Every structure is written in C-alpha cells, then in structure tokens.
C-alpha atoms as a PDB file:
ATOM      1  CA  MET A   1      -8.469  46.211 -10.560  1.00  0.00           C
ATOM      2  CA  GLU A   2     -10.276  48.376 -13.196  1.00  0.00           C
ATOM      3  CA  ARG A   3      -9.029  46.158 -16.112  1.00  0.00           C
ATOM      4  CA  GLY A   4     -10.366  42.970 -14.265  1.00  0.00           C
ATOM      5  CA  VAL A   5      -7.015  41.508 -14.057  1.00  0.00           C
ATOM      6  CA  PHE A   6      -6.048  41.796 -10.376  1.00  0.00           C
ATOM      7  CA  THR A   7      -5.313  38.819  -8.591  1.00  0.00           C
ATOM      8  CA  ASP A   8      -5.989  38.643  -4.432  1.00  0.00           C
ATOM      9  CA  ARG A   9      -2.920  36.519  -3.414  1.00  0.00           C
ATOM     10  CA  THR A  10      -3.590  37.203   0.420  1.00  0.00           C
ATOM     11  CA  GLU A  11      -4.323  33.606   1.207  1.00  0.00           C
ATOM     12  CA  ALA A  12      -1.463  32.506  -0.851  1.00  0.00           C
ATOM     13  CA  GLU A  13       0.882  34.763   1.182  1.00  0.00           C
ATOM     14  CA  LYS A  14      -0.637  33.948   4.408  1.00  0.00           C
ATOM     15  CA  ASN A  15      -0.404  30.151   4.260  1.00  0.00           C
ATOM     16  CA  THR A  16       2.354  27.642   4.185  1.00  0.00           C
ATOM     17  CA  LEU A  17       2.349  24.579   2.186  1.00  0.00           C
ATOM     18  CA  GLY A  18       2.186  22.922   5.580  1.00  0.00           C
ATOM     19  CA  ASP A  19      -0.816  24.608   6.135  1.00  0.00           C
ATOM     20  CA  LEU A  20      -2.531  23.266   3.082  1.00  0.00           C
ATOM     21  CA  PHE A  21      -1.351  19.725   3.871  1.00  0.00           C
ATOM     22  CA  LYS A  22      -2.972  20.174   7.306  1.00  0.00           C
ATOM     23  CA  ARG A  23      -6.293  21.225   5.758  1.00  0.00           C
ATOM     24  CA  TYR A  24      -6.067  18.644   2.948  1.00  0.00           C
ATOM     25  CA  LEU A  25      -5.830  16.173   5.759  1.00  0.00           C
ATOM     26  CA  THR A  26      -8.937  16.935   7.826  1.00  0.00           C
ATOM     27  CA  GLU A  27     -11.148  17.653   4.532  1.00  0.00           C
ATOM     28  CA  VAL A  28     -10.137  15.813   1.832  1.00  0.00           C
ATOM     29  CA  SER A  29      -7.755  12.646   2.670  1.00  0.00           C
ATOM     30  CA  SER A  30     -10.006  11.718   5.537  1.00  0.00           C
ATOM     31  CA  GLN A  31     -12.848  10.979   3.403  1.00  0.00           C
ATOM     32  CA  LYS A  32     -10.723   8.641   1.182  1.00  0.00           C
ATOM     33  CA  LYS A  33     -10.420   4.623   1.269  1.00  0.00           C
ATOM     34  CA  GLY A  34      -6.991   4.774   1.679  1.00  0.00           C
ATOM     35  CA  HIS A  35      -6.629   7.477   4.137  1.00  0.00           C
ATOM     36  CA  ASP A  36      -4.406   5.726   6.521  1.00  0.00           C
ATOM     37  CA  ILE A  37      -1.471   5.266   4.011  1.00  0.00           C
ATOM     38  CA  GLU A  38      -2.118   8.936   2.710  1.00  0.00           C
ATOM     39  CA  ARG A  39      -2.223  10.365   6.110  1.00  0.00           C
ATOM     40  CA  TYR A  40       1.348   8.743   6.751  1.00  0.00           C
ATOM     41  CA  ARG A  41       2.666  10.429   3.887  1.00  0.00           C
ATOM     42  CA  LEU A  42       1.002  13.840   4.485  1.00  0.00           C
ATOM     43  CA  GLU A  43       2.598  13.732   7.946  1.00  0.00           C
ATOM     44  CA  SER A  44       6.100  13.024   6.727  1.00  0.00           C
ATOM     45  CA  LEU A  45       5.543  16.046   3.903  1.00  0.00           C
ATOM     46  CA  GLN A  46       4.616  18.299   6.950  1.00  0.00           C
ATOM     47  CA  ARG A  47       7.915  17.623   8.524  1.00  0.00           C
ATOM     48  CA  ASP A  48       9.996  18.255   5.320  1.00  0.00           C
ATOM     49  CA  PRO A  49      11.665  21.939   4.892  1.00  0.00           C
ATOM     50  CA  ILE A  50       9.307  22.258   1.993  1.00  0.00           C
ATOM     51  CA  ALA A  51       6.220  22.769   4.358  1.00  0.00           C
ATOM     52  CA  LYS A  52       7.701  25.708   5.605  1.00  0.00           C
ATOM     53  CA  TYR A  53       7.621  27.821   2.367  1.00  0.00           C
ATOM     54  CA  LYS A  54       4.405  30.259   1.997  1.00  0.00           C
ATOM     55  CA  VAL A  55       2.398  28.940  -1.183  1.00  0.00           C
ATOM     56  CA  ALA A  56       2.927  32.212  -3.013  1.00  0.00           C
ATOM     57  CA  GLY A  57       6.767  31.551  -2.992  1.00  0.00           C
ATOM     58  CA  LEU A  58       6.170  28.136  -4.597  1.00  0.00           C
ATOM     59  CA  SER A  59       8.094  27.902  -7.860  1.00  0.00           C
ATOM     60  CA  GLY A  60       9.009  25.227 -10.423  1.00  0.00           C
ATOM     61  CA  LYS A  61      12.739  26.031  -9.583  1.00  0.00           C
ATOM     62  CA  LEU A  62      11.963  25.513  -5.930  1.00  0.00           C
ATOM     63  CA  MET A  63      10.073  22.113  -6.465  1.00  0.00           C
ATOM     64  CA  ALA A  64      12.725  20.912  -8.997  1.00  0.00           C
ATOM     65  CA  GLU A  65      15.400  21.494  -6.391  1.00  0.00           C
ATOM     66  CA  TRP A  66      13.250  19.656  -3.998  1.00  0.00           C
ATOM     67  CA  ARG A  67      12.610  16.969  -6.389  1.00  0.00           C
ATOM     68  CA  ASP A  68      16.651  16.515  -6.999  1.00  0.00           C
ATOM     69  CA  LYS A  69      17.491  16.547  -3.436  1.00  0.00           C
ATOM     70  CA  ARG A  70      14.875  13.780  -2.607  1.00  0.00           C
ATOM     71  CA  LEU A  71      15.948  11.443  -5.369  1.00  0.00           C
ATOM     72  CA  LYS A  72      19.029  11.260  -3.335  1.00  0.00           C
ATOM     73  CA  ASP A  73      17.219   9.498  -0.577  1.00  0.00           C
ATOM     74  CA  VAL A  74      14.281   7.526  -2.193  1.00  0.00           C
ATOM     75  CA  SER A  75      13.214   6.119  -5.559  1.00  0.00           C
ATOM     76  CA  GLY A  76      11.914   7.967  -8.514  1.00  0.00           C
ATOM     77  CA  SER A  77       8.568   6.238  -8.063  1.00  0.00           C
ATOM     78  CA  THR A  78       8.471   7.435  -4.428  1.00  0.00           C
ATOM     79  CA  VAL A  79       9.070  10.820  -5.490  1.00  0.00           C
ATOM     80  CA  ASN A  80       6.600  10.848  -8.237  1.00  0.00           C
ATOM     81  CA  ARG A  81       3.860   9.762  -5.757  1.00  0.00           C
ATOM     82  CA  ASP A  82       4.889  12.562  -3.460  1.00  0.00           C
ATOM     83  CA  LEU A  83       4.807  15.074  -6.245  1.00  0.00           C
ATOM     84  CA  ASN A  84       1.204  13.877  -7.427  1.00  0.00           C
ATOM     85  CA  LEU A  85      -0.065  14.257  -3.794  1.00  0.00           C
ATOM     86  CA  ILE A  86       1.427  17.893  -3.418  1.00  0.00           C
ATOM     87  CA  SER A  87      -0.069  18.602  -6.877  1.00  0.00           C
ATOM     88  CA  HIS A  88      -3.487  17.405  -5.734  1.00  0.00           C
ATOM     89  CA  VAL A  89      -3.286  19.395  -2.696  1.00  0.00           C
ATOM     90  CA  ILE A  90      -2.381  22.791  -4.520  1.00  0.00           C
ATOM     91  CA  ASN A  91      -5.100  22.175  -7.294  1.00  0.00           C
ATOM     92  CA  VAL A  92      -7.624  21.503  -4.392  1.00  0.00           C
ATOM     93  CA  ALA A  93      -6.628  25.077  -2.894  1.00  0.00           C
ATOM     94  CA  ARG A  94      -6.705  26.871  -6.267  1.00  0.00           C
ATOM     95  CA  LYS A  95     -10.151  25.203  -7.159  1.00  0.00           C
ATOM     96  CA  GLU A  96     -11.970  24.892  -3.799  1.00  0.00           C
ATOM     97  CA  TRP A  97     -10.205  27.107  -1.264  1.00  0.00           C
ATOM     98  CA  GLY A  98      -9.782  30.442  -3.270  1.00  0.00           C
ATOM     99  CA  MET A  99      -5.979  30.577  -3.602  1.00  0.00           C
ATOM    100  CA  HIS A 100      -4.771  32.098  -6.518  1.00  0.00           C
ATOM    101  CA  ILE A 101      -1.502  30.301  -7.300  1.00  0.00           C
ATOM    102  CA  GLU A 102      -0.304  28.734 -10.202  1.00  0.00           C
ATOM    103  CA  ASN A 103       0.524  24.676  -9.662  1.00  0.00           C
ATOM    104  CA  PRO A 104       4.489  24.593  -9.594  1.00  0.00           C
ATOM    105  CA  ILE A 105       4.385  20.786 -10.112  1.00  0.00           C
ATOM    106  CA  SER A 106       3.123  21.164 -13.834  1.00  0.00           C
ATOM    107  CA  MET A 107       6.196  22.865 -14.538  1.00  0.00           C
ATOM    108  CA  ILE A 108       8.799  20.285 -13.584  1.00  0.00           C
ATOM    109  CA  ARG A 109      10.145  17.045 -15.218  1.00  0.00           C
ATOM    110  CA  ARG A 110       9.283  13.765 -13.481  1.00  0.00           C
ATOM    111  CA  PRO A 111      11.690  11.294 -12.619  1.00  0.00           C
ATOM    112  CA  PRO A 112      11.457   7.960 -14.371  1.00  0.00           C
ATOM    113  CA  GLU A 113       9.414   5.298 -12.786  1.00  0.00           C
ATOM    114  CA  ASN A 114      11.100   2.286 -11.142  1.00  0.00           C
ATOM    115  CA  LYS A 115      10.945  -1.068 -13.121  1.00  0.00           C
ATOM    116  CA  ALA A 116       8.384  -3.389 -12.073  1.00  0.00           C
ATOM    117  CA  ARG A 117       9.174  -5.472  -8.965  1.00  0.00           C
ATOM    118  CA  LYS A 118       9.671  -9.188  -9.970  1.00  0.00           C
ATOM    119  CA  ARG A 119      10.601 -10.402  -6.407  1.00  0.00           C
ATOM    120  CA  ARG A 120       9.316 -13.811  -5.718  1.00  0.00           C
ATOM    121  CA  LEU A 121       9.979 -16.449  -2.823  1.00  0.00           C
ATOM    122  CA  GLY A 122      12.899 -18.516  -3.318  1.00  0.00           C
ATOM    123  CA  ALA A 123      13.313 -22.011  -1.690  1.00  0.00           C
ATOM    124  CA  GLY A 124      12.907 -22.193   1.922  1.00  0.00           C
ATOM    125  CA  GLU A 125      12.022 -18.424   2.080  1.00  0.00           C
ATOM    126  CA  GLU A 126       8.223 -18.865   3.091  1.00  0.00           C
ATOM    127  CA  GLU A 127       9.365 -21.115   5.876  1.00  0.00           C
ATOM    128  CA  LYS A 128      11.664 -18.722   7.279  1.00  0.00           C
ATOM    129  CA  LEU A 129       9.287 -15.883   7.308  1.00  0.00           C
ATOM    130  CA  LEU A 130       6.511 -17.713   8.932  1.00  0.00           C
ATOM    131  CA  ALA A 131       8.768 -19.213  11.442  1.00  0.00           C
ATOM    132  CA  GLU A 132       9.851 -15.397  12.238  1.00  0.00           C
ATOM    133  CA  LEU A 133       6.121 -14.394  12.771  1.00  0.00           C
ATOM    134  CA  GLU A 134       5.216 -17.325  15.099  1.00  0.00           C
ATOM    135  CA  GLN A 135       3.709 -15.665  18.314  1.00  0.00           C
ATOM    136  CA  ARG A 136       6.424 -15.092  21.029  1.00  0.00           C
ATOM    137  CA  THR A 137       5.980 -16.968  24.464  1.00  0.00           C
ATOM    138  CA  ARG A 138       6.743 -15.549  27.717  1.00  0.00           C
ATOM    139  CA  ALA A 139       9.846 -16.686  29.540  1.00  0.00           C
ATOM    140  CA  GLU A 140       9.234 -17.756  33.404  1.00  0.00           C
ATOM    141  CA  ARG A 141      10.413 -13.998  34.459  1.00  0.00           C
ATOM    142  CA  GLY A 142       7.663 -12.721  32.493  1.00  0.00           C
ATOM    143  CA  THR A 143       9.772 -11.340  29.537  1.00  0.00           C
ATOM    144  CA  PHE A 144       9.173 -12.632  25.969  1.00  0.00           C
ATOM    145  CA  GLU A 145      11.418 -14.926  24.418  1.00  0.00           C
ATOM    146  CA  ALA A 146      13.633 -13.751  21.361  1.00  0.00           C
ATOM    147  CA  GLY A 147      12.357 -14.119  17.923  1.00  0.00           C
ATOM    148  CA  GLY A 148       8.646 -14.202  16.793  1.00  0.00           C
ATOM    149  CA  THR A 149       6.292 -11.569  17.107  1.00  0.00           C
ATOM    150  CA  GLN A 150       3.641 -10.482  19.872  1.00  0.00           C
ATOM    151  CA  ASN A 151       0.871  -9.795  17.214  1.00  0.00           C
ATOM    152  CA  PRO A 152      -1.108 -13.123  16.903  1.00  0.00           C
ATOM    153  CA  TRP A 153      -2.639 -11.757  13.733  1.00  0.00           C
ATOM    154  CA  ILE A 154       0.567 -11.253  11.538  1.00  0.00           C
ATOM    155  CA  ARG A 155       1.129 -15.025  10.587  1.00  0.00           C
ATOM    156  CA  PRO A 156      -2.286 -16.010   9.566  1.00  0.00           C
ATOM    157  CA  LEU A 157      -2.799 -12.811   7.595  1.00  0.00           C
ATOM    158  CA  VAL A 158       0.478 -13.386   5.693  1.00  0.00           C
ATOM    159  CA  ILE A 159      -0.676 -16.969   4.983  1.00  0.00           C
ATOM    160  CA  LEU A 160      -4.041 -15.685   3.584  1.00  0.00           C
ATOM    161  CA  ALA A 161      -2.179 -13.187   1.773  1.00  0.00           C
ATOM    162  CA  LEU A 162       0.063 -15.825  -0.165  1.00  0.00           C
ATOM    163  CA  GLU A 163      -3.371 -18.262  -0.627  1.00  0.00           C
ATOM    164  CA  THR A 164      -5.677 -15.375  -2.066  1.00  0.00           C
ATOM    165  CA  ALA A 165      -3.474 -12.602  -3.397  1.00  0.00           C
ATOM    166  CA  MET A 166      -5.546 -10.155  -1.505  1.00  0.00           C
ATOM    167  CA  ARG A 167      -3.978  -6.908  -0.637  1.00  0.00           C
ATOM    168  CA  ARG A 168      -3.314  -5.614   2.762  1.00  0.00           C
ATOM    169  CA  GLY A 169      -5.831  -3.128   2.851  1.00  0.00           C
ATOM    170  CA  GLU A 170      -8.409  -5.924   1.688  1.00  0.00           C
ATOM    171  CA  LEU A 171      -7.219  -8.471   4.216  1.00  0.00           C
ATOM    172  CA  LEU A 172      -7.786  -5.746   6.922  1.00  0.00           C
ATOM    173  CA  ALA A 173     -11.181  -4.664   5.946  1.00  0.00           C
ATOM    174  CA  LEU A 174     -12.409  -8.438   5.820  1.00  0.00           C
ATOM    175  CA  ARG A 175     -15.325  -9.040   8.381  1.00  0.00           C
ATOM    176  CA  TRP A 176     -16.627 -12.297   9.698  1.00  0.00           C
ATOM    177  CA  SER A 177     -20.004 -11.552   8.157  1.00  0.00           C
ATOM    178  CA  ASP A 178     -18.299 -11.618   4.658  1.00  0.00           C
ATOM    179  CA  VAL A 179     -16.632 -15.173   5.183  1.00  0.00           C
ATOM    180  CA  TYR A 180     -18.471 -17.817   3.641  1.00  0.00           C
ATOM    181  CA  LEU A 181     -16.792 -21.129   4.987  1.00  0.00           C
ATOM    182  CA  VAL A 182     -19.437 -23.589   3.776  1.00  0.00           C
ATOM    183  CA  ASP A 183     -19.165 -22.203   0.271  1.00  0.00           C
ATOM    184  CA  ARG A 184     -15.212 -21.404   0.604  1.00  0.00           C
ATOM    185  CA  PHE A 185     -15.034 -17.900  -0.472  1.00  0.00           C
ATOM    186  CA  VAL A 186     -15.035 -14.358   1.012  1.00  0.00           C
ATOM    187  CA  ARG A 187     -16.550 -11.528  -0.172  1.00  0.00           C
ATOM    188  CA  LEU A 188     -14.733  -8.276  -0.575  1.00  0.00           C
ATOM    189  CA  HIS A 189     -16.540  -4.818  -0.457  1.00  0.00           C
ATOM    190  CA  ASP A 190     -13.904  -2.280  -0.126  1.00  0.00           C
ATOM    191  CA  THR A 191     -11.524  -2.960  -2.920  1.00  0.00           C
ATOM    192  CA  LYS A 192      -8.648  -1.057  -4.696  1.00  0.00           C
ATOM    193  CA  ASN A 193     -10.827  -0.483  -7.811  1.00  0.00           C
ATOM    194  CA  GLY A 194     -13.953   0.181  -5.938  1.00  0.00           C
ATOM    195  CA  GLU A 195     -15.758  -2.847  -7.190  1.00  0.00           C
ATOM    196  CA  SER A 196     -16.764  -5.826  -4.857  1.00  0.00           C
ATOM    197  CA  ARG A 197     -15.672  -9.389  -5.682  1.00  0.00           C
ATOM    198  CA  ASP A 198     -15.710 -13.004  -4.455  1.00  0.00           C
ATOM    199  CA  VAL A 199     -12.338 -14.670  -3.699  1.00  0.00           C
ATOM    200  CA  PRO A 200     -12.384 -18.383  -3.351  1.00  0.00           C
ATOM    201  CA  LEU A 201     -10.562 -20.030  -0.644  1.00  0.00           C
ATOM    202  CA  SER A 202      -8.086 -23.006  -1.321  1.00  0.00           C
ATOM    203  CA  ILE A 203      -8.188 -25.862   1.326  1.00  0.00           C
ATOM    204  CA  ARG A 204      -5.171 -24.018   3.430  1.00  0.00           C
ATOM    205  CA  ALA A 205      -7.175 -20.804   3.564  1.00  0.00           C
ATOM    206  CA  TYR A 206     -10.472 -22.465   4.578  1.00  0.00           C
ATOM    207  CA  GLU A 207      -8.590 -24.228   7.203  1.00  0.00           C
ATOM    208  CA  LEU A 208      -6.980 -21.256   8.487  1.00  0.00           C
ATOM    209  CA  LEU A 209     -10.012 -19.168   8.826  1.00  0.00           C
ATOM    210  CA  ASN A 210     -11.863 -22.197  10.200  1.00  0.00           C
ATOM    211  CA  ASP A 211      -9.456 -22.323  13.224  1.00  0.00           C
ATOM    212  CA  LEU A 212      -8.847 -18.479  13.672  1.00  0.00           C
ATOM    213  CA  PRO A 213     -10.342 -17.002  16.872  1.00  0.00           C
ATOM    214  CA  ARG A 214     -13.270 -14.669  16.369  1.00  0.00           C
ATOM    215  CA  HIS A 215     -12.664 -11.017  17.669  1.00  0.00           C
ATOM    216  CA  ILE A 216     -15.425  -9.115  19.313  1.00  0.00           C
ATOM    217  CA  SER A 217     -14.923  -6.287  16.547  1.00  0.00           C
ATOM    218  CA  GLY A 218     -16.401  -8.671  13.868  1.00  0.00           C
ATOM    219  CA  ARG A 219     -13.005  -8.058  11.892  1.00  0.00           C
ATOM    220  CA  VAL A 220     -10.986 -11.330  10.861  1.00  0.00           C
ATOM    221  CA  PHE A 221      -7.760  -9.661  11.559  1.00  0.00           C
ATOM    222  CA  ALA A 222      -7.886  -7.238  14.389  1.00  0.00           C
ATOM    223  CA  THR A 223      -4.980  -5.164  13.891  1.00  0.00           C
ATOM    224  CA  THR A 224      -3.583  -2.003  12.112  1.00  0.00           C
ATOM    225  CA  PRO A 225      -1.768  -1.452   8.755  1.00  0.00           C
ATOM    226  CA  ASP A 226       1.165   0.349  10.816  1.00  0.00           C
ATOM    227  CA  ALA A 227       1.359  -3.132  13.086  1.00  0.00           C
ATOM    228  CA  VAL A 228       1.525  -5.246   9.899  1.00  0.00           C
ATOM    229  CA  LYS A 229       4.266  -3.185   8.364  1.00  0.00           C
ATOM    230  CA  LYS A 230       6.414  -3.071  11.523  1.00  0.00           C
ATOM    231  CA  ALA A 231       6.044  -6.676  12.229  1.00  0.00           C
ATOM    232  CA  PHE A 232       6.580  -7.747   8.668  1.00  0.00           C
ATOM    233  CA  MET A 233       9.592  -5.659   7.978  1.00  0.00           C
ATOM    234  CA  ARG A 234      10.934  -7.000  11.532  1.00  0.00           C
ATOM    235  CA  ALA A 235      10.334 -10.641  10.522  1.00  0.00           C
ATOM    236  CA  VAL A 236      12.077 -10.097   6.990  1.00  0.00           C
ATOM    237  CA  GLU A 237      15.109  -8.741   8.845  1.00  0.00           C
ATOM    238  CA  ARG A 238      15.340 -11.476  11.363  1.00  0.00           C
ATOM    239  CA  ALA A 239      14.877 -14.086   8.392  1.00  0.00           C
ATOM    240  CA  GLN A 240      17.441 -12.253   6.335  1.00  0.00           C
ATOM    241  CA  LEU A 241      15.081 -12.030   3.236  1.00  0.00           C
ATOM    242  CA  GLY A 242      16.660  -8.878   1.832  1.00  0.00           C
ATOM    243  CA  ASP A 243      14.225  -6.519   0.022  1.00  0.00           C
ATOM    244  CA  LEU A 244      11.002  -8.626   0.373  1.00  0.00           C
ATOM    245  CA  HIS A 245       8.028  -6.136   0.730  1.00  0.00           C
ATOM    246  CA  PHE A 246       4.516  -7.310   1.822  1.00  0.00           C
ATOM    247  CA  HIS A 247       3.007  -6.211  -1.730  1.00  0.00           C
ATOM    248  CA  ASP A 248       5.578  -8.992  -2.992  1.00  0.00           C
ATOM    249  CA  LEU A 249       3.433 -11.418  -1.482  1.00  0.00           C
ATOM    250  CA  ARG A 250       0.646 -10.391  -3.888  1.00  0.00           C
ATOM    251  CA  HIS A 251       3.167 -11.068  -6.704  1.00  0.00           C
ATOM    252  CA  GLU A 252       3.885 -14.239  -5.451  1.00  0.00           C
ATOM    253  CA  ALA A 253       0.423 -15.218  -4.772  1.00  0.00           C
ATOM    254  CA  THR A 254      -0.829 -14.232  -8.327  1.00  0.00           C
ATOM    255  CA  SER A 255       2.034 -16.178  -9.709  1.00  0.00           C
ATOM    256  CA  ARG A 256       1.118 -19.548  -8.034  1.00  0.00           C
ATOM    257  CA  LEU A 257      -2.524 -18.938  -9.015  1.00  0.00           C
ATOM    258  CA  ALA A 258      -1.568 -18.668 -12.649  1.00  0.00           C
ATOM    259  CA  GLU A 259       0.008 -22.035 -12.504  1.00  0.00           C
ATOM    260  CA  LYS A 260      -3.285 -23.400 -11.438  1.00  0.00           C
ATOM    261  CA  LEU A 261      -5.533 -21.276 -13.284  1.00  0.00           C
ATOM    262  CA  ASP A 262      -4.659 -21.156 -16.973  1.00  0.00           C
ATOM    263  CA  ASN A 263      -7.739 -18.941 -18.062  1.00  0.00           C
ATOM    264  CA  VAL A 264      -6.819 -15.386 -17.325  1.00  0.00           C
ATOM    265  CA  LEU A 265     -10.320 -14.426 -17.141  1.00  0.00           C
ATOM    266  CA  GLU A 266     -10.645 -16.689 -14.104  1.00  0.00           C
ATOM    267  CA  LEU A 267      -7.283 -15.336 -12.657  1.00  0.00           C
ATOM    268  CA  SER A 268      -8.423 -11.910 -12.999  1.00  0.00           C
ATOM    269  CA  SER A 269     -11.744 -12.588 -10.901  1.00  0.00           C
ATOM    270  CA  VAL A 270      -9.602 -13.849  -8.165  1.00  0.00           C
ATOM    271  CA  THR A 271      -6.994 -11.079  -8.067  1.00  0.00           C
ATOM    272  CA  GLY A 272      -9.383  -8.166  -8.976  1.00  0.00           C
ATOM    273  CA  HIS A 273      -7.081  -6.878 -11.829  1.00  0.00           C
ATOM    274  CA  LYS A 274      -8.983  -5.293 -14.568  1.00  0.00           C
ATOM    275  CA  THR A 275      -7.149  -5.463 -17.716  1.00  0.00           C
ATOM    276  CA  LEU A 276      -4.486  -8.041 -18.825  1.00  0.00           C
ATOM    277  CA  SER A 277      -1.687  -5.169 -18.753  1.00  0.00           C
ATOM    278  CA  MET A 278      -2.414  -4.933 -15.134  1.00  0.00           C
ATOM    279  CA  LEU A 279      -2.332  -8.352 -14.583  1.00  0.00           C
ATOM    280  CA  LYS A 280       0.886  -8.951 -16.391  1.00  0.00           C
ATOM    281  CA  ARG A 281       2.875  -6.419 -13.791  1.00  0.00           C
ATOM    282  CA  TYR A 282       2.160  -9.057 -11.219  1.00  0.00           C
ATOM    283  CA  TYR A 283       2.164 -12.375 -13.255  1.00  0.00           C
ATOM    284  CA  HIS A 284       5.955 -13.140 -13.579  1.00  0.00           C
ATOM    285  CA  PRO A 285       6.570 -16.644 -14.280  1.00  0.00           C
ATOM    286  CA  ARG A 286       9.880 -18.239 -13.918  1.00  0.00           C
ATOM    287  CA  ALA A 287      11.695 -18.930 -17.225  1.00  0.00           C
ATOM    288  CA  LYS A 288      12.808 -22.496 -15.756  1.00  0.00           C
ATOM    289  CA  ASP A 289       8.818 -23.317 -14.939  1.00  0.00           C
ATOM    290  CA  LEU A 290       7.845 -22.048 -18.685  1.00  0.00           C
ATOM    291  CA  ALA A 291      10.786 -24.232 -20.113  1.00  0.00           C
ATOM    292  CA  ARG A 292       9.264 -27.387 -18.421  1.00  0.00           C
ATOM    293  CA  LYS A 293       5.751 -26.704 -19.881  1.00  0.00           C
ATOM    294  CA  LEU A 294       7.512 -26.250 -23.376  1.00  0.00           C
ATOM    295  CA  GLY A 295       8.838 -29.839 -23.010  1.00  0.00           C
END
C-alpha cells in the first residue's frame, strides 16, 4: 500500500461471474436495441457452470477449457459470440463497477468462424414452408387439427421477409404508422446499423399488408421474437427442410432482389447493407443462373 501498488480484490472475490451477468442484464443489456436476444444468451450463460466461479478465480486456462468444452456442442461462431459477450461484461465490471481483475478472454485463442451460409430455398421449399405456417383450425371437439400453427402472424411475416429482405427485428418493430400503402413503401426507424431506411413494397407485399388485420397495439405483427423462432423451427421440421434458419430468408430475398435490381446501390438501399463486402455475404447467385446470363 505504501508503494501504491495495492489492488483491492474484495469485489472480485465476493462476486461470481453469474452475479456480473445478472447486473449487466439489468444495467447495460436492457438499454440495447437487441436486448431480447442478448437476454436469452445471458440467461443461458447464467445456467452454465462457469457462472458459479468467483470473478477473482477466472483465468486464461479456465476460459480456454470452457471454450474447448463448448466447441463440442456448438459452432465456432457461437462460441465467439459468447466469448465477446463475456469479455464485454468483464470489461464493464473493470471500468465502471470497480472490480480490479484482468480480462481472461484476452489471453485465449478464438476458434475459427463458420463459413458464410449460402442456404437458399430450393424448388418447392417455399410452398412447403408456407403450407406448414397456415393457421390451424379447430376440430369439432375443440382441439386443433394437426399441422399448421396457432399464431396468425407468422405466415404473413415470413412472406414479407421474402419480399423485402427485412430482418426479423425490423419486421417485429414495424408499426402501421410507418406503412405507406399508397406509395408502396414502409419506413424503418429501428434498424441494425442505427439508421432509418425506406423499403419499397412489391405487389405481393403490398397486397399482403393491405389485407392484414390491424392490431390494437399499432404493431403490424403483434407477436414476439421467441414465438416467431419456435413457430418457424417447428414448421421447418414438419416440412423437412433441414437446416433452414429464419435469417436465411434474408439471404434468399436479397438474392431474388439482386436479379431484379442490377444497380448495387439500389440493392443496398433496399436491404440496408452499408458496404459491398457486407452485401456480398448475403448475395449468393447460383452458378446456373449466372451461366444463363452469360449466354
């Protein structure tokens, strides 16, 4: 203490990593746009055995062992997202909550990222998916018939995703006050990159929105991210579409739009991608289509 090198580790020895997750969830994560998704990840990490360790006991060796164990169950990209989140939680604790600890995440190697997904809908797959998203009807005994979904918002949401390349969060945040049917576009305020943009509507998208019932909340799709995720996954499983993810609809929609909009600036204004390199991650034209263009 006389030399000025004493480090008070009381808070680090008193709190577990799970305690940091809980505080971060309340004070930091709740203020973010994507707080729902981050909340699920933090709650999952709170159930992990790593959350029981005291913050003072965290080390590069411990986190490397956790990384290797986690890689047996999930992909490298998922592990990296978890490591980034844990690292940010620890850095907030160091800089804002007065916990004198080193960040062990900075000491370990990161696993390689997954290759960019190129999943597109094959022949008949869109029809199979939408058939499984039809709203269920009740039988005479009051029970729901097999197949379909009880959520009336999922099918139109999926169709609009395929027509506009909007993200799930953008679709769920859409309000009727930002839908301009006369001019055939919708205005997005809460986008991933923080900038608003206007998304044009195809005839199919226009007709879908025009026929959609208005909910008292003012939201176009009165449902939740978790409900969309579960209904979509169940429909994919029933339709036997394999590894199709909801975000793959954005890949598919962007590729379809690219066939209609040859100008990359026009395409980026619709999809919201900021750079050509980002747009190329989602634009995966099929070789047979390019061959036809070449003649």
